[in-house]
Amino acid sequence: MKKASVELMVGLFVLAGIISVGYLAVRLGKMEIIGKNTYTLYGQFQSVTGLTRGANVEIAGVQVGQVTNIHLDPETQSAVVTMKIDKTVELTDDVIASLKTAGLIGDKFIKLTPGGSDLILKDGDRITETESGVDLEELISKYVFGGV
């Protein structure tokens, strides 16, 4: 009888540990299992050099979303960036999405500059105003080889 109760306690302890590790993995990985707290927006850029999946989407320096996918549009030969934005953030149809660099040689992120329109973007809408980032290597090569 005593052996069965010890085994039951060990089993419950192991189960609690597995549930705790699973919870931490979901929270730290920013995954969504129950419900969606985000909506999807798309932005079309001429160049997204250095931008990666998982990059931040920010407004005024505050993270409001994340880049979830980057792919090439075969018709326009431009990059399409898929962003998950927090549902608490309402963006208008004249928002500007810019590719920025954190620091001099830091990570790339998307900066959103809100507009003044009354039309709110919905799940699956496209941001029409985008600005590609400055390519530092291209600027340096122009300067070095006399293109400036």
Protein backbone atom coordinates (compact mmCIF):
# COMPACT_ATOMS: atom_id res chain seq x y z
CA MET A 1 0.00 0.00 0.00
CA LYS A 2 2.80 2.41 0.91
CA LYS A 3 4.66 1.69 -2.34
CA ALA A 4 1.55 2.53 -4.42
CA SER A 5 1.09 5.89 -2.69
CA VAL A 6 4.78 6.80 -3.23
CA GLU A 7 4.48 5.86 -6.90
CA LEU A 8 1.29 7.93 -7.19
CA MET A 9 3.00 10.98 -5.64
CA VAL A 10 6.02 10.63 -7.95
CA GLY A 11 3.68 10.31 -10.93
CA LEU A 12 1.75 13.44 -9.96
CA PHE A 13 5.02 15.33 -9.43
CA VAL A 14 6.30 14.29 -12.89
CA LEU A 15 2.95 15.24 -14.46
CA ALA A 16 3.06 18.67 -12.79
CA GLY A 17 6.62 19.15 -14.09
CA ILE A 18 5.62 18.26 -17.65
CA ILE A 19 2.66 20.65 -17.54
CA SER A 20 4.92 23.44 -16.18
CA VAL A 21 7.53 22.93 -18.91
CA GLY A 22 4.78 22.91 -21.57
CA TYR A 23 3.29 26.12 -20.20
CA LEU A 24 6.69 27.86 -20.18
CA ALA A 25 7.43 26.70 -23.71
CA VAL A 26 4.16 28.17 -24.96
CA ARG A 27 4.56 31.45 -23.06
CA LEU A 28 8.22 32.00 -23.94
CA GLY A 29 7.65 30.97 -27.55
CA LYS A 30 4.72 33.41 -27.76
CA MET A 31 2.54 30.71 -29.24
CA GLU A 32 -1.23 30.87 -29.21
CA ILE A 33 -3.12 27.73 -28.35
CA ILE A 34 -6.49 28.94 -27.14
CA GLY A 35 -7.98 31.91 -28.99
CA LYS A 36 -6.26 34.45 -31.16
CA ASN A 37 -5.08 37.71 -29.66
CA THR A 38 -3.73 38.92 -32.99
CA TYR A 39 -4.80 39.73 -36.52
CA THR A 40 -2.82 39.41 -39.75
CA LEU A 41 -1.67 42.26 -41.97
CA TYR A 42 0.46 42.17 -45.11
CA GLY A 43 3.01 44.68 -46.35
CA GLN A 44 4.66 44.75 -49.77
CA PHE A 45 8.26 46.03 -49.84
CA GLN A 46 10.81 46.51 -52.64
CA SER A 47 13.52 45.08 -50.38
CA VAL A 48 13.54 43.47 -46.94
CA THR A 49 17.25 42.71 -46.71
CA GLY A 50 18.13 41.51 -43.21
CA LEU A 51 14.53 41.13 -41.99
CA THR A 52 13.79 37.70 -40.50
CA ARG A 53 10.81 35.81 -39.16
CA GLY A 54 10.17 36.71 -35.56
CA ALA A 55 11.31 40.31 -36.04
CA ASN A 56 9.43 42.92 -34.01
CA VAL A 57 6.70 45.19 -35.33
CA GLU A 58 6.73 48.43 -33.35
CA ILE A 59 4.82 51.68 -32.93
CA ALA A 60 6.68 54.47 -31.10
CA GLY A 61 9.26 51.95 -29.88
CA VAL A 62 6.64 49.63 -28.35
CA GLN A 63 6.31 46.10 -29.72
CA VAL A 64 2.79 45.56 -31.08
CA GLY A 65 3.38 42.53 -33.26
CA GLN A 66 5.75 40.16 -34.96
CA VAL A 67 6.82 39.20 -38.49
CA THR A 68 5.55 35.68 -39.15
CA ASN A 69 6.43 35.13 -42.81
CA ILE A 70 8.35 36.68 -45.70
CA HIS A 71 7.88 35.57 -49.28
CA LEU A 72 8.34 36.82 -52.84
CA ASP A 73 5.29 37.89 -54.85
CA PRO A 74 5.89 36.31 -58.28
CA GLU A 75 3.77 38.89 -60.12
CA THR A 76 5.40 42.07 -58.79
CA GLN A 77 8.80 40.59 -57.86
CA SER A 78 8.56 42.31 -54.47
CA ALA A 79 8.73 40.98 -50.92
CA VAL A 80 5.49 40.39 -49.02
CA VAL A 81 5.81 40.50 -45.23
CA THR A 82 3.15 38.84 -43.07
CA MET A 83 2.70 40.48 -39.66
CA LYS A 84 0.68 39.42 -36.62
CA ILE A 85 -0.57 42.53 -34.81
CA ASP A 86 -2.09 42.61 -31.29
CA LYS A 87 -5.88 42.95 -31.43
CA THR A 88 -5.70 45.82 -28.95
CA VAL A 89 -3.93 47.93 -31.59
CA GLU A 90 -6.18 49.47 -34.24
CA LEU A 91 -4.41 50.62 -37.39
CA THR A 92 -5.91 52.80 -40.10
CA ASP A 93 -5.62 52.23 -43.83
CA ASP A 94 -3.05 55.05 -44.20
CA VAL A 95 -0.52 53.55 -41.75
CA ILE A 96 3.08 53.57 -43.03
CA ALA A 97 5.24 50.46 -42.56
CA SER A 98 8.99 51.14 -42.65
CA LEU A 99 11.90 48.73 -42.46
CA LYS A 100 14.29 50.03 -39.78
CA THR A 101 17.49 48.91 -38.08
CA ALA A 102 17.91 48.79 -34.31
CA GLY A 103 21.20 50.59 -33.80
CA LEU A 104 23.99 50.95 -36.35
CA ILE A 105 24.33 47.26 -37.21
CA GLY A 106 21.44 45.83 -35.21
CA ASP A 107 18.48 43.67 -36.07
CA LYS A 108 15.88 44.78 -38.59
CA PHE A 109 12.30 45.48 -37.51
CA ILE A 110 9.12 46.98 -38.94
CA LYS A 111 8.16 50.43 -37.67
CA LEU A 112 4.52 51.40 -38.07
CA THR A 113 3.62 55.08 -38.26
CA PRO A 114 -0.11 55.60 -37.64
CA GLY A 115 -2.13 57.78 -39.97
CA GLY A 116 -5.21 59.92 -39.50
CA SER A 117 -7.81 58.04 -41.53
CA ASP A 118 -11.08 56.73 -40.10
CA LEU A 119 -10.94 53.38 -41.94
CA ILE A 120 -9.61 50.62 -39.67
CA LEU A 121 -7.60 47.73 -41.16
CA LYS A 122 -9.09 44.28 -40.60
CA ASP A 123 -7.63 40.78 -40.49
CA GLY A 124 -6.05 39.95 -43.85
CA ASP A 125 -5.80 43.54 -45.13
CA ARG A 126 -2.74 44.96 -46.87
CA ILE A 127 -0.70 47.98 -45.77
CA THR A 128 -0.34 50.05 -48.94
CA GLU A 129 2.25 52.59 -47.77
CA THR A 130 5.64 50.93 -47.20
CA GLU A 131 9.25 52.11 -47.10
CA SER A 132 12.14 49.73 -47.66
CA GLY A 133 15.19 50.04 -45.46
CA VAL A 134 18.44 51.73 -46.33
CA ASP A 135 21.00 49.22 -47.60
CA LEU A 136 24.20 50.19 -45.77
CA GLU A 137 26.44 48.11 -48.04
CA GLU A 138 25.03 49.80 -51.13
CA LEU A 139 25.63 53.26 -49.65
CA ILE A 140 29.21 52.40 -48.70
CA SER A 141 29.97 50.98 -52.14
CA LYS A 142 28.56 54.11 -53.82
CA TYR A 143 30.73 56.28 -51.59
CA VAL A 144 33.88 54.17 -52.07
CA PHE A 145 33.50 53.90 -55.84
CA GLY A 146 32.51 57.54 -56.38
CA GLY A 147 28.79 57.14 -56.95
CA VAL A 148 27.86 59.79 -54.39
